[in-house]
Amino acid sequence: MKKQIKLLLVAVVITTFIVPETISAQGWGGRWKPGFWDMWSVSVNAGQTSFFGDLSLYDTDVVGKITNESGAAFSGVFSKHFNDKFSIGGQVLYGNLKGENSSAAFDASIMEANLHGKVNLINLIFADNVSDFDITMYGGVGQFVFKSVQVSKGEDGGRSVEDTGTPEFVYFFGAGIEYKIGDRIGVTADMSMRQAQNDKLDDLSKNDNYDYYSYVSVGVTYYIESLFGGSKKGGSFGGRSGRGGGKMPTMRRRR
């Protein structure tokens, strides 16, 4: 499982970073090429983070997972779009986790910062797509800090605290859907799985396996054509109102 996650992550990141440069190197054929400050977006999301590890009992029970091993979460994402197919972004995520078994229960809070690459599968596969509905896939790497409090259910009712103090690595991949409302607004739903590079989220180390947590969210994205209000060149984020890959108006020769 660990190997597949890392291979998938590498594939997504390579596709996101290498393919746009290849496309750019082939020339824009008279089209406007966005500059660094063009084609950005800001997203806000809210949902739930869920725990998968030694103290999780509901990994195959969706309702049980949501009600017993999940907590509120929210995040913000700032992204740079190369075109309507590829983007990179930075995300800050705050979430809560919980879980219990017959011997112990825990509650944890996490704060994560990451860098990820995203591929718009619809626009990648269908070059002339004019739909406002998109399917995306993404992967990335980041660091997180957490504080976990475990309480024993034994007679002593012992309490232990695991506080990282220093950031630890996390790898993740995910997928999402988006529906664009006009040129600037998109409504999104996402789900991602994260592999923490430790076995301490529930303050219980067992079998030397890494703990996991998922993040399911809905949100809103606002697209920015130019960060500093430069001239509008018709850059494309996708959607019926914005398709066209950044084409400039066709100029006719004088006869």
Protein backbone atom coordinates (compact mmCIF):
# COMPACT_ATOMS: atom_id res chain seq x y z
CA MET A 1 0.00 0.00 0.00
CA LYS A 2 2.79 2.41 0.91
CA LYS A 3 4.59 1.72 -2.38
CA GLN A 4 1.45 2.24 -4.50
CA ILE A 5 0.68 5.57 -2.81
CA LYS A 6 4.19 6.86 -3.42
CA LEU A 7 4.21 5.68 -7.07
CA LEU A 8 0.84 7.34 -7.72
CA LEU A 9 2.03 10.53 -6.05
CA VAL A 10 5.20 10.61 -8.16
CA ALA A 11 3.20 10.05 -11.36
CA VAL A 12 0.78 12.90 -10.63
CA VAL A 13 3.52 15.34 -9.64
CA ILE A 14 5.69 14.51 -12.67
CA THR A 15 2.71 14.92 -14.99
CA THR A 16 1.79 18.26 -13.45
CA PHE A 17 5.27 19.77 -13.54
CA ILE A 18 6.76 18.27 -16.71
CA VAL A 19 3.87 18.17 -19.19
CA PRO A 20 3.03 21.91 -18.99
CA GLU A 21 6.65 22.77 -19.78
CA THR A 22 6.60 20.38 -22.73
CA ILE A 23 3.44 21.96 -24.08
CA SER A 24 4.94 25.42 -23.64
CA ALA A 25 8.13 24.39 -25.41
CA GLN A 26 6.12 23.35 -28.45
CA GLY A 27 5.06 26.97 -28.93
CA TRP A 28 1.82 28.81 -28.44
CA GLY A 29 1.18 29.35 -32.16
CA GLY A 30 0.05 32.98 -31.98
CA ARG A 31 -1.82 32.55 -28.71
CA TRP A 32 -1.28 34.63 -25.60
CA LYS A 33 1.11 32.93 -23.20
CA PRO A 34 0.20 33.67 -19.56
CA GLY A 35 2.90 35.26 -17.43
CA PHE A 36 3.79 34.25 -13.90
CA TRP A 37 1.29 36.67 -12.34
CA ASP A 38 -1.56 35.54 -14.61
CA MET A 39 -4.11 32.75 -14.01
CA TRP A 40 -4.26 32.14 -10.25
CA SER A 41 -7.03 30.98 -7.93
CA VAL A 42 -7.98 31.02 -4.25
CA SER A 43 -10.08 28.25 -2.67
CA VAL A 44 -11.71 27.86 0.73
CA ASN A 45 -12.98 24.44 1.82
CA ALA A 46 -14.67 22.85 4.81
CA GLY A 47 -15.44 19.24 5.68
CA GLN A 48 -14.12 16.40 7.81
CA THR A 49 -10.84 14.64 8.48
CA SER A 50 -11.06 10.93 9.36
CA PHE A 51 -8.57 8.64 11.09
CA PHE A 52 -7.22 5.29 9.83
CA GLY A 53 -4.85 3.50 12.20
CA ASP A 54 -4.41 1.23 15.20
CA LEU A 55 -7.43 2.61 17.08
CA SER A 56 -9.79 2.81 14.09
CA LEU A 57 -12.67 0.31 13.97
CA TYR A 58 -14.82 1.68 11.13
CA ASP A 59 -12.52 1.68 8.10
CA THR A 60 -15.15 -0.11 5.97
CA ASP A 61 -18.21 1.51 7.55
CA VAL A 62 -18.78 4.99 6.08
CA VAL A 63 -21.45 6.04 8.59
CA GLY A 64 -19.45 4.72 11.55
CA LYS A 65 -16.30 6.42 10.25
CA ILE A 66 -18.03 9.81 9.97
CA THR A 67 -19.76 9.66 13.35
CA ASN A 68 -17.05 7.98 15.46
CA GLU A 69 -13.64 8.65 13.90
CA SER A 70 -13.93 12.03 12.18
CA GLY A 71 -13.75 15.68 13.14
CA ALA A 72 -14.38 19.10 11.61
CA ALA A 73 -11.75 20.45 9.21
CA PHE A 74 -11.18 23.42 6.95
CA SER A 75 -8.50 24.57 4.52
CA GLY A 76 -7.35 27.25 2.10
CA VAL A 77 -5.55 26.78 -1.22
CA PHE A 78 -3.64 29.27 -3.38
CA SER A 79 -2.91 27.94 -6.88
CA LYS A 80 -1.02 28.91 -10.03
CA HIS A 81 -2.56 27.63 -13.29
CA PHE A 82 -0.29 26.93 -16.25
CA ASN A 83 -3.37 26.51 -18.44
CA ASP A 84 -6.80 24.88 -18.11
CA LYS A 85 -5.19 21.44 -17.60
CA PHE A 86 -2.37 21.78 -15.06
CA SER A 87 -1.78 23.73 -11.87
CA ILE A 88 0.30 23.73 -8.71
CA GLY A 89 -0.91 24.93 -5.34
CA GLY A 90 -0.13 25.41 -1.70
CA GLN A 91 -2.62 24.38 0.96
CA VAL A 92 -3.01 24.99 4.69
CA LEU A 93 -5.26 22.48 6.46
CA TYR A 94 -6.54 22.28 10.01
CA GLY A 95 -8.46 19.20 11.14
CA ASN A 96 -9.53 17.04 14.06
CA LEU A 97 -9.35 13.26 14.50
CA LYS A 98 -10.71 10.80 17.03
CA GLY A 99 -11.07 7.08 17.61
CA GLU A 100 -11.35 4.39 20.24
CA ASN A 101 -11.36 0.67 20.89
CA SER A 102 -12.13 -1.44 23.94
CA SER A 103 -9.03 -0.28 25.81
CA ALA A 104 -8.42 3.37 24.88
CA ALA A 105 -9.80 6.48 23.18
CA PHE A 106 -8.03 9.47 21.67
CA ASP A 107 -8.62 12.94 20.25
CA ALA A 108 -6.13 14.76 18.03
CA SER A 109 -5.77 18.03 16.17
CA ILE A 110 -3.55 18.49 13.11
CA MET A 111 -2.17 21.47 11.21
CA GLU A 112 -0.74 20.76 7.76
CA ALA A 113 0.94 22.79 5.02
CA ASN A 114 1.60 21.22 1.63
CA LEU A 115 2.55 21.71 -2.01
CA HIS A 116 0.67 19.73 -4.64
CA GLY A 117 0.17 19.33 -8.37
CA LYS A 118 -3.26 19.00 -9.97
CA VAL A 119 -4.41 17.65 -13.34
CA ASN A 120 -7.79 18.46 -14.89
CA LEU A 121 -8.63 15.09 -16.45
CA ILE A 122 -11.58 16.32 -18.52
CA ASN A 123 -9.61 19.09 -20.23
CA LEU A 124 -6.57 16.83 -20.63
CA ILE A 125 -8.52 14.09 -22.40
CA PHE A 126 -10.98 16.26 -24.34
CA ALA A 127 -9.07 19.18 -25.86
CA ASP A 128 -12.25 20.89 -27.12
CA ASN A 129 -14.22 20.41 -23.92
CA VAL A 130 -16.82 23.17 -23.42
CA SER A 131 -18.48 21.73 -20.32
CA ASP A 132 -18.43 23.58 -17.00
CA PHE A 133 -18.03 20.27 -15.16
CA ASP A 134 -14.48 19.10 -14.36
CA ILE A 135 -12.85 16.07 -12.74
CA THR A 136 -9.43 16.57 -11.18
CA MET A 137 -6.68 14.41 -9.71
CA TYR A 138 -3.86 15.64 -7.51
CA GLY A 139 -0.98 14.58 -5.32
CA GLY A 140 1.57 16.27 -3.13
CA VAL A 141 3.84 16.34 -0.12
CA GLY A 142 3.78 18.46 3.00
CA GLN A 143 4.55 18.74 6.67
CA PHE A 144 2.23 18.63 9.64
CA VAL A 145 2.20 19.02 13.39
CA PHE A 146 -0.31 17.40 15.71
CA LYS A 147 -1.30 16.97 19.31
CA SER A 148 -2.95 13.73 20.40
CA VAL A 149 -4.47 12.96 23.80
CA GLN A 150 -5.16 9.30 24.65
CA VAL A 151 -7.23 8.18 27.63
CA SER A 152 -7.10 4.60 28.90
CA LYS A 153 -10.39 2.81 29.61
CA GLY A 154 -8.75 0.73 32.33
CA GLU A 155 -9.27 1.16 36.05
CA ASP A 156 -6.44 3.67 36.32
CA GLY A 157 -7.92 5.88 33.58
CA GLY A 158 -4.42 6.90 32.54
CA ARG A 159 -3.94 9.87 30.22
CA SER A 160 -1.05 10.36 27.79
CA VAL A 161 -0.21 13.17 25.37
CA GLU A 162 1.71 12.97 22.08
CA ASP A 163 2.80 16.41 20.84
CA THR A 164 5.15 16.47 17.85
CA GLY A 165 6.67 19.87 18.55
CA THR A 166 8.46 19.65 15.19
CA PRO A 167 6.88 19.17 11.73
CA GLU A 168 6.68 15.68 10.23
CA PHE A 169 6.21 14.65 6.59
CA VAL A 170 2.94 13.61 4.97
CA TYR A 171 2.24 12.30 1.45
CA PHE A 172 -1.18 12.42 -0.14
CA PHE A 173 -3.25 11.97 -3.28
CA GLY A 174 -6.85 12.76 -4.07
CA ALA A 175 -9.55 13.51 -6.61
CA GLY A 176 -12.27 16.09 -6.95
CA ILE A 177 -15.10 17.45 -9.03
CA GLU A 178 -15.91 21.05 -9.87
CA TYR A 179 -18.75 22.95 -11.47
CA LYS A 180 -17.94 26.42 -12.77
CA ILE A 181 -20.44 29.22 -12.32
CA GLY A 182 -19.44 31.82 -14.89
CA ASP A 183 -15.83 32.86 -15.52
CA ARG A 184 -14.63 33.36 -11.96
CA ILE A 185 -16.42 31.04 -9.52
CA GLY A 186 -16.28 27.26 -9.11
CA VAL A 187 -18.03 24.97 -6.62
CA THR A 188 -15.93 21.96 -5.61
CA ALA A 189 -16.02 18.63 -3.78
CA ASP A 190 -12.80 16.78 -2.93
CA MET A 191 -11.58 13.65 -1.22
CA SER A 192 -7.95 12.83 -0.41
CA MET A 193 -6.03 10.21 1.55
CA ARG A 194 -2.94 11.20 3.52
CA GLN A 195 -0.14 8.97 4.80
CA ALA A 196 1.48 10.33 7.95
CA GLN A 197 5.11 9.35 8.20
CA ASN A 198 4.67 8.05 11.74
CA ASP A 199 2.50 5.72 13.81
CA LYS A 200 1.67 8.17 16.58
CA LEU A 201 -1.52 10.00 15.60
CA ASP A 202 -3.51 7.90 18.06
CA ASP A 203 -0.61 7.81 20.53
CA LEU A 204 -0.36 4.06 19.95
CA SER A 205 2.51 2.44 18.05
CA LYS A 206 1.72 -1.05 16.80
CA ASN A 207 3.30 -3.23 14.09
CA ASP A 208 5.37 -0.23 12.91
CA ASN A 209 2.64 0.80 10.45
CA TYR A 210 2.05 4.39 9.37
CA ASP A 211 -1.20 6.09 10.33
CA TYR A 212 -3.47 7.62 7.67
CA TYR A 213 -6.08 10.36 7.63
CA SER A 214 -8.51 11.41 4.93
CA TYR A 215 -9.94 14.83 4.12
CA VAL A 216 -13.38 15.15 2.51
CA SER A 217 -14.55 18.67 1.76
CA VAL A 218 -16.73 21.01 -0.27
CA GLY A 219 -15.66 24.50 -1.18
CA VAL A 220 -15.64 27.52 -3.43
CA THR A 221 -12.86 28.63 -5.80
CA TYR A 222 -12.36 32.16 -7.08
CA TYR A 223 -10.29 32.52 -10.27
CA ILE A 224 -8.02 35.53 -10.73
CA GLU A 225 -6.95 36.42 -14.27
CA SER A 226 -4.08 38.64 -13.12
CA LEU A 227 -2.85 39.20 -9.56
CA PHE A 228 -1.88 42.80 -10.23
CA GLY A 229 -4.72 43.79 -12.53
CA GLY A 230 -2.77 43.56 -15.77
CA SER A 231 -4.33 43.77 -19.20
CA LYS A 232 -6.96 41.15 -19.90
CA LYS A 233 -5.68 38.78 -22.57
CA GLY A 234 -8.35 36.12 -22.44
CA GLY A 235 -6.49 33.47 -20.47
CA SER A 236 -8.44 30.26 -20.12
CA PHE A 237 -9.36 28.55 -16.87
CA GLY A 238 -11.91 26.32 -18.62
CA GLY A 239 -15.70 26.30 -18.82
CA ARG A 240 -18.01 27.52 -21.56
CA SER A 241 -17.24 31.14 -20.77
CA GLY A 242 -13.49 30.69 -20.48
CA ARG A 243 -12.45 27.99 -22.94
CA GLY A 244 -9.98 28.66 -25.66
CA GLY A 245 -6.56 28.12 -24.12
CA GLY A 246 -5.66 31.81 -24.01
CA LYS A 247 -6.27 32.55 -27.68
CA MET A 248 -5.81 36.10 -28.89
CA PRO A 249 -8.34 37.57 -31.34
CA THR A 250 -7.62 36.70 -34.96
CA MET A 251 -6.23 39.64 -36.99
CA ARG A 252 -7.06 40.00 -40.67
CA ARG A 253 -4.62 41.25 -43.26
CA ARG A 254 -5.39 44.38 -45.22
CA ARG A 255 -5.97 43.79 -48.90
